[in-house]
N, C-alpha and C. Protein backbone atom coordinates (compact mmCIF):
# COMPACT_ATOMS: atom_id res chain seq x y z
N MET A 1 19.27 -1.21 7.22
CA MET A 1 18.49 -1.28 5.99
C MET A 1 19.19 -0.56 4.85
N LEU A 2 19.67 0.65 5.10
CA LEU A 2 20.30 1.42 4.03
C LEU A 2 21.81 1.38 4.09
N ASN A 3 22.36 0.66 5.05
CA ASN A 3 23.80 0.49 5.18
C ASN A 3 24.57 1.80 5.13
N GLY A 4 24.15 2.78 5.90
CA GLY A 4 24.87 4.05 5.97
C GLY A 4 24.60 5.01 4.83
N GLN A 5 23.78 4.64 3.88
CA GLN A 5 23.47 5.53 2.77
C GLN A 5 22.53 6.63 3.24
N LYS A 6 22.61 7.76 2.58
CA LYS A 6 21.74 8.89 2.91
C LYS A 6 20.66 9.04 1.85
N ILE A 7 19.49 9.48 2.29
CA ILE A 7 18.37 9.72 1.39
C ILE A 7 18.20 11.23 1.24
N VAL A 8 18.24 11.71 0.01
CA VAL A 8 18.05 13.12 -0.29
C VAL A 8 16.84 13.23 -1.22
N VAL A 9 15.91 14.13 -0.88
CA VAL A 9 14.73 14.36 -1.70
C VAL A 9 14.85 15.75 -2.32
N VAL A 10 14.68 15.83 -3.63
CA VAL A 10 14.67 17.11 -4.33
C VAL A 10 13.22 17.42 -4.68
N MET A 11 12.72 18.56 -4.16
CA MET A 11 11.33 18.95 -4.40
C MET A 11 11.30 20.17 -5.31
N PRO A 12 10.89 19.99 -6.56
CA PRO A 12 10.68 21.17 -7.40
C PRO A 12 9.46 21.93 -6.90
N ALA A 13 9.51 23.25 -6.98
CA ALA A 13 8.39 24.05 -6.46
C ALA A 13 8.17 25.28 -7.34
N TYR A 14 6.93 25.49 -7.70
CA TYR A 14 6.53 26.70 -8.42
C TYR A 14 5.20 27.16 -7.84
N ASN A 15 5.21 28.33 -7.24
CA ASN A 15 4.02 28.87 -6.57
C ASN A 15 3.40 27.82 -5.64
N ALA A 16 4.25 27.25 -4.81
CA ALA A 16 3.83 26.16 -3.92
C ALA A 16 3.65 26.59 -2.47
N ALA A 17 3.50 27.87 -2.24
CA ALA A 17 3.40 28.37 -0.86
C ALA A 17 2.27 27.69 -0.09
N ARG A 18 1.20 27.39 -0.75
CA ARG A 18 0.03 26.80 -0.09
C ARG A 18 0.27 25.36 0.35
N THR A 19 1.16 24.65 -0.33
CA THR A 19 1.33 23.22 -0.06
C THR A 19 2.74 22.81 0.38
N LEU A 20 3.69 23.72 0.32
CA LEU A 20 5.09 23.36 0.56
C LEU A 20 5.33 22.81 1.96
N ARG A 21 4.84 23.46 2.98
CA ARG A 21 5.07 23.01 4.37
C ARG A 21 4.48 21.62 4.59
N GLN A 22 3.27 21.39 4.13
CA GLN A 22 2.64 20.08 4.31
C GLN A 22 3.40 19.00 3.56
N THR A 23 3.82 19.30 2.34
CA THR A 23 4.58 18.32 1.56
C THR A 23 5.88 17.98 2.26
N TYR A 24 6.58 19.00 2.74
CA TYR A 24 7.83 18.78 3.48
C TYR A 24 7.58 17.90 4.71
N ASP A 25 6.57 18.25 5.48
CA ASP A 25 6.26 17.49 6.70
C ASP A 25 5.95 16.03 6.38
N GLU A 26 5.23 15.78 5.30
CA GLU A 26 4.88 14.41 4.93
C GLU A 26 6.11 13.63 4.49
N VAL A 27 7.01 14.28 3.77
CA VAL A 27 8.25 13.61 3.35
C VAL A 27 9.09 13.25 4.58
N MET A 28 9.22 14.19 5.50
CA MET A 28 10.05 13.97 6.68
C MET A 28 9.42 12.99 7.67
N ALA A 29 8.12 12.82 7.62
CA ALA A 29 7.42 11.92 8.55
C ALA A 29 7.84 10.46 8.38
N HIS A 30 8.39 10.12 7.24
CA HIS A 30 8.82 8.74 7.01
C HIS A 30 10.03 8.37 7.86
N GLY A 31 10.78 9.38 8.31
CA GLY A 31 11.90 9.14 9.20
C GLY A 31 13.15 8.60 8.55
N ILE A 32 13.19 8.53 7.24
CA ILE A 32 14.39 8.00 6.58
C ILE A 32 15.09 9.03 5.69
N VAL A 33 14.52 10.21 5.59
CA VAL A 33 15.08 11.25 4.71
C VAL A 33 16.09 12.08 5.51
N ASP A 34 17.28 12.26 4.94
CA ASP A 34 18.33 13.03 5.59
C ASP A 34 18.33 14.49 5.18
N LEU A 35 17.89 14.77 3.97
CA LEU A 35 17.97 16.13 3.45
C LEU A 35 16.87 16.35 2.42
N VAL A 36 16.23 17.52 2.48
CA VAL A 36 15.26 17.92 1.46
C VAL A 36 15.80 19.18 0.80
N ILE A 37 15.89 19.17 -0.51
CA ILE A 37 16.32 20.33 -1.28
C ILE A 37 15.11 20.84 -2.04
N VAL A 38 14.72 22.08 -1.78
CA VAL A 38 13.61 22.69 -2.50
C VAL A 38 14.19 23.53 -3.63
N VAL A 39 13.76 23.25 -4.85
CA VAL A 39 14.22 23.99 -6.02
C VAL A 39 13.06 24.85 -6.50
N ASP A 40 13.19 26.15 -6.31
CA ASP A 40 12.14 27.08 -6.71
C ASP A 40 12.34 27.49 -8.16
N ASP A 41 11.25 27.57 -8.91
CA ASP A 41 11.30 27.93 -10.32
C ASP A 41 10.66 29.30 -10.54
N ALA A 42 11.24 30.32 -9.89
CA ALA A 42 10.80 31.72 -10.06
C ALA A 42 9.34 31.93 -9.64
N SER A 43 8.99 31.40 -8.49
CA SER A 43 7.63 31.56 -7.98
C SER A 43 7.29 33.02 -7.74
N HIS A 44 6.00 33.33 -7.84
CA HIS A 44 5.50 34.68 -7.62
C HIS A 44 4.81 34.82 -6.27
N ASP A 45 4.79 33.73 -5.50
CA ASP A 45 4.16 33.78 -4.18
C ASP A 45 5.25 33.68 -3.10
N GLU A 46 4.90 33.20 -1.95
CA GLU A 46 5.83 33.14 -0.81
C GLU A 46 6.60 31.82 -0.72
N THR A 47 6.70 31.10 -1.82
CA THR A 47 7.39 29.80 -1.82
C THR A 47 8.80 29.90 -1.26
N VAL A 48 9.57 30.86 -1.73
CA VAL A 48 10.97 30.99 -1.29
C VAL A 48 11.04 31.30 0.20
N ALA A 49 10.22 32.21 0.66
CA ALA A 49 10.22 32.58 2.07
C ALA A 49 9.89 31.38 2.95
N ILE A 50 8.93 30.59 2.53
CA ILE A 50 8.55 29.40 3.30
C ILE A 50 9.67 28.37 3.26
N ALA A 51 10.25 28.16 2.10
CA ALA A 51 11.35 27.19 1.97
C ALA A 51 12.50 27.55 2.90
N ARG A 52 12.77 28.81 3.05
CA ARG A 52 13.88 29.25 3.92
C ARG A 52 13.60 28.99 5.40
N THR A 53 12.35 28.79 5.76
CA THR A 53 12.03 28.51 7.17
C THR A 53 12.08 27.02 7.49
N LEU A 54 12.17 26.18 6.48
CA LEU A 54 12.18 24.74 6.72
C LEU A 54 13.51 24.32 7.35
N PRO A 55 13.46 23.40 8.30
CA PRO A 55 14.71 22.96 8.96
C PRO A 55 15.64 22.24 8.00
């Protein structure tokens, strides 16, 4: 289908600790994404810590 192409998703995040894991899981559930890049915008919550735990 994609002829060897890779799918990369860039997720901007600001104070997204509450929703980041679920969003990541839903993106990956499609089975076609090769890489997710989370871009944090100086969050004041645990967004960065959670992003670092994502595979």
